[in-house]
Amino acid sequence: TVAAAGTAIALTPAVFDNTHTVLVFNGSANIVFLRWQTTNAAITGANGTLLAAGASVTLGVGPLSARPWDGSSVLWADASVNGTVFNVTYVNGLSS
């Protein structure tokens, strides 16, 4: 749940080392934004992935050894309206 629009939240739990795919479903009537970043800075359609109401997205994050970030970036979410609820599913492999 994004409590305050314009203030991103880190997904909890964070993407695991052995996660290879992240599925996000926005069952709300609002817009959800996703982005890999290091702070709770606002995420918008201009700097992140826009997930419209009723839409879903599949993010292939690849094995840990192939991920392009330095380890400090995590997947964050923001929304267009306070209190927006969305669902996240991690698809994990047997090893990282």
C-alpha atoms as a PDB file:
ATOM      1  CA  THR A   1       0.000   0.000   0.000  1.00  0.00           C
ATOM      2  CA  VAL A   2       1.300   3.436  -0.938  1.00  0.00           C
ATOM      3  CA  ALA A   3       0.313   5.569   2.048  1.00  0.00           C
ATOM      4  CA  ALA A   4       1.263   8.964   0.600  1.00  0.00           C
ATOM      5  CA  ALA A   5       1.255   9.653  -3.125  1.00  0.00           C
ATOM      6  CA  GLY A   6       4.519  11.288  -4.178  1.00  0.00           C
ATOM      7  CA  THR A   7       6.535   9.433  -1.539  1.00  0.00           C
ATOM      8  CA  ALA A   8       7.726   6.084  -2.875  1.00  0.00           C
ATOM      9  CA  ILE A   9       7.826   2.927  -0.756  1.00  0.00           C
ATOM     10  CA  ALA A  10      10.380   0.147  -1.046  1.00  0.00           C
ATOM     11  CA  LEU A  11       8.739  -3.203  -1.711  1.00  0.00           C
ATOM     12  CA  THR A  12       8.741  -5.291   1.439  1.00  0.00           C
ATOM     13  CA  PRO A  13      10.105  -7.838   1.423  1.00  0.00           C
ATOM     14  CA  ALA A  14      12.684  -6.714  -1.111  1.00  0.00           C
ATOM     15  CA  VAL A  15      13.419  -8.730  -4.228  1.00  0.00           C
ATOM     16  CA  PHE A  16      15.270 -11.861  -3.101  1.00  0.00           C
ATOM     17  CA  ASP A  17      18.678 -12.910  -4.428  1.00  0.00           C
ATOM     18  CA  ASN A  18      17.067 -15.870  -6.208  1.00  0.00           C
ATOM     19  CA  THR A  19      14.120 -13.894  -7.649  1.00  0.00           C
ATOM     20  CA  HIS A  20      14.118 -13.922 -11.437  1.00  0.00           C
ATOM     21  CA  THR A  21      10.674 -12.414 -12.137  1.00  0.00           C
ATOM     22  CA  VAL A  22       8.457  -9.910 -10.342  1.00  0.00           C
ATOM     23  CA  LEU A  23       4.743  -9.796 -11.136  1.00  0.00           C
ATOM     24  CA  VAL A  24       2.817  -6.654 -10.155  1.00  0.00           C
ATOM     25  CA  PHE A  25      -0.971  -6.349 -10.394  1.00  0.00           C
ATOM     26  CA  ASN A  26      -2.731  -3.039  -9.889  1.00  0.00           C
ATOM     27  CA  GLY A  27      -6.278  -3.938  -8.877  1.00  0.00           C
ATOM     28  CA  SER A  28      -7.007  -0.401  -7.741  1.00  0.00           C
ATOM     29  CA  ALA A  29      -8.696   2.433  -9.652  1.00  0.00           C
ATOM     30  CA  ASN A  30      -5.474   4.487  -9.368  1.00  0.00           C
ATOM     31  CA  ILE A  31      -2.113   4.540 -11.144  1.00  0.00           C
ATOM     32  CA  VAL A  32       0.909   2.736  -9.669  1.00  0.00           C
ATOM     33  CA  PHE A  33       4.471   3.660 -10.630  1.00  0.00           C
ATOM     34  CA  LEU A  34       7.506   1.357 -10.297  1.00  0.00           C
ATOM     35  CA  ARG A  35      11.218   2.062 -10.450  1.00  0.00           C
ATOM     36  CA  TRP A  36      14.583   0.770  -9.233  1.00  0.00           C
ATOM     37  CA  GLN A  37      16.056   3.512  -7.035  1.00  0.00           C
ATOM     38  CA  THR A  38      17.858   4.159  -3.748  1.00  0.00           C
ATOM     39  CA  THR A  39      15.540   6.680  -2.026  1.00  0.00           C
ATOM     40  CA  ASN A  40      11.846   7.369  -1.519  1.00  0.00           C
ATOM     41  CA  ALA A  41      11.849  10.098  -4.172  1.00  0.00           C
ATOM     42  CA  ALA A  42       8.575  10.476  -6.065  1.00  0.00           C
ATOM     43  CA  ILE A  43       8.105   8.175  -9.059  1.00  0.00           C
ATOM     44  CA  THR A  44       6.074   9.366 -12.037  1.00  0.00           C
ATOM     45  CA  GLY A  45       5.279   8.208 -15.548  1.00  0.00           C
ATOM     46  CA  ALA A  46       8.241  10.302 -16.715  1.00  0.00           C
ATOM     47  CA  ASN A  47      10.870   8.476 -14.648  1.00  0.00           C
ATOM     48  CA  GLY A  48       9.340   5.064 -13.922  1.00  0.00           C
ATOM     49  CA  THR A  49       7.031   2.358 -15.196  1.00  0.00           C
ATOM     50  CA  LEU A  50       3.368   3.419 -15.190  1.00  0.00           C
ATOM     51  CA  LEU A  51       0.918   0.685 -14.246  1.00  0.00           C
ATOM     52  CA  ALA A  52      -2.641   1.731 -15.096  1.00  0.00           C
ATOM     53  CA  ALA A  53      -5.692   0.732 -13.064  1.00  0.00           C
ATOM     54  CA  GLY A  54      -6.504  -2.960 -13.553  1.00  0.00           C
ATOM     55  CA  ALA A  55      -3.202  -3.630 -15.343  1.00  0.00           C
ATOM     56  CA  SER A  56      -0.306  -5.932 -14.568  1.00  0.00           C
ATOM     57  CA  VAL A  57       3.356  -6.045 -15.499  1.00  0.00           C
ATOM     58  CA  THR A  58       5.979  -8.788 -15.510  1.00  0.00           C
ATOM     59  CA  LEU A  59       9.493  -7.607 -14.679  1.00  0.00           C
ATOM     60  CA  GLY A  60      12.298  -9.978 -15.565  1.00  0.00           C
ATOM     61  CA  VAL A  61      15.037  -9.109 -13.080  1.00  0.00           C
ATOM     62  CA  GLY A  62      17.425 -11.898 -14.037  1.00  0.00           C
ATOM     63  CA  PRO A  63      19.874 -13.744 -11.812  1.00  0.00           C
ATOM     64  CA  LEU A  64      21.667 -11.777  -9.095  1.00  0.00           C
ATOM     65  CA  SER A  65      24.987 -12.033 -10.947  1.00  0.00           C
ATOM     66  CA  ALA A  66      23.512 -10.347 -14.038  1.00  0.00           C
ATOM     67  CA  ARG A  67      21.686  -7.449 -12.369  1.00  0.00           C
ATOM     68  CA  PRO A  68      23.036  -4.070 -13.459  1.00  0.00           C
ATOM     69  CA  TRP A  69      22.761  -2.138 -10.199  1.00  0.00           C
ATOM     70  CA  ASP A  70      25.281  -1.826  -7.423  1.00  0.00           C
ATOM     71  CA  GLY A  71      23.189  -3.555  -4.774  1.00  0.00           C
ATOM     72  CA  SER A  72      21.876  -0.354  -3.204  1.00  0.00           C
ATOM     73  CA  SER A  73      18.962   0.018  -5.617  1.00  0.00           C
ATOM     74  CA  VAL A  74      15.736  -1.763  -4.771  1.00  0.00           C
ATOM     75  CA  LEU A  75      12.316  -1.854  -6.388  1.00  0.00           C
ATOM     76  CA  TRP A  76      10.157   1.047  -5.192  1.00  0.00           C
ATOM     77  CA  ALA A  77       6.518   1.893  -5.856  1.00  0.00           C
ATOM     78  CA  ASP A  78       4.526   5.103  -5.809  1.00  0.00           C
ATOM     79  CA  ALA A  79       0.935   5.911  -6.712  1.00  0.00           C
ATOM     80  CA  SER A  80      -1.292   8.690  -7.986  1.00  0.00           C
ATOM     81  CA  VAL A  81      -3.545   8.624  -4.889  1.00  0.00           C
ATOM     82  CA  ASN A  82      -2.912   8.074  -1.159  1.00  0.00           C
ATOM     83  CA  GLY A  83      -3.756   4.578   0.104  1.00  0.00           C
ATOM     84  CA  THR A  84      -3.381   2.798  -3.246  1.00  0.00           C
ATOM     85  CA  VAL A  85      -3.139  -0.984  -2.827  1.00  0.00           C
ATOM     86  CA  PHE A  86      -1.433  -3.282  -5.352  1.00  0.00           C
ATOM     87  CA  ASN A  87      -0.211  -6.891  -5.375  1.00  0.00           C
ATOM     88  CA  VAL A  88       3.344  -8.171  -5.877  1.00  0.00           C
ATOM     89  CA  THR A  89       4.393 -11.772  -6.528  1.00  0.00           C
ATOM     90  CA  TYR A  90       8.001 -12.956  -6.687  1.00  0.00           C
ATOM     91  CA  VAL A  91       8.942 -15.920  -8.856  1.00  0.00           C
ATOM     92  CA  ASN A  92      12.075 -17.452  -7.357  1.00  0.00           C
ATOM     93  CA  GLY A  93      14.554 -19.991  -8.628  1.00  0.00           C
ATOM     94  CA  LEU A  94      16.502 -22.560  -6.675  1.00  0.00           C
ATOM     95  CA  SER A  95      19.691 -20.478  -6.623  1.00  0.00           C
ATOM     96  CA  SER A  96      20.864 -16.935  -7.237  1.00  0.00           C
END
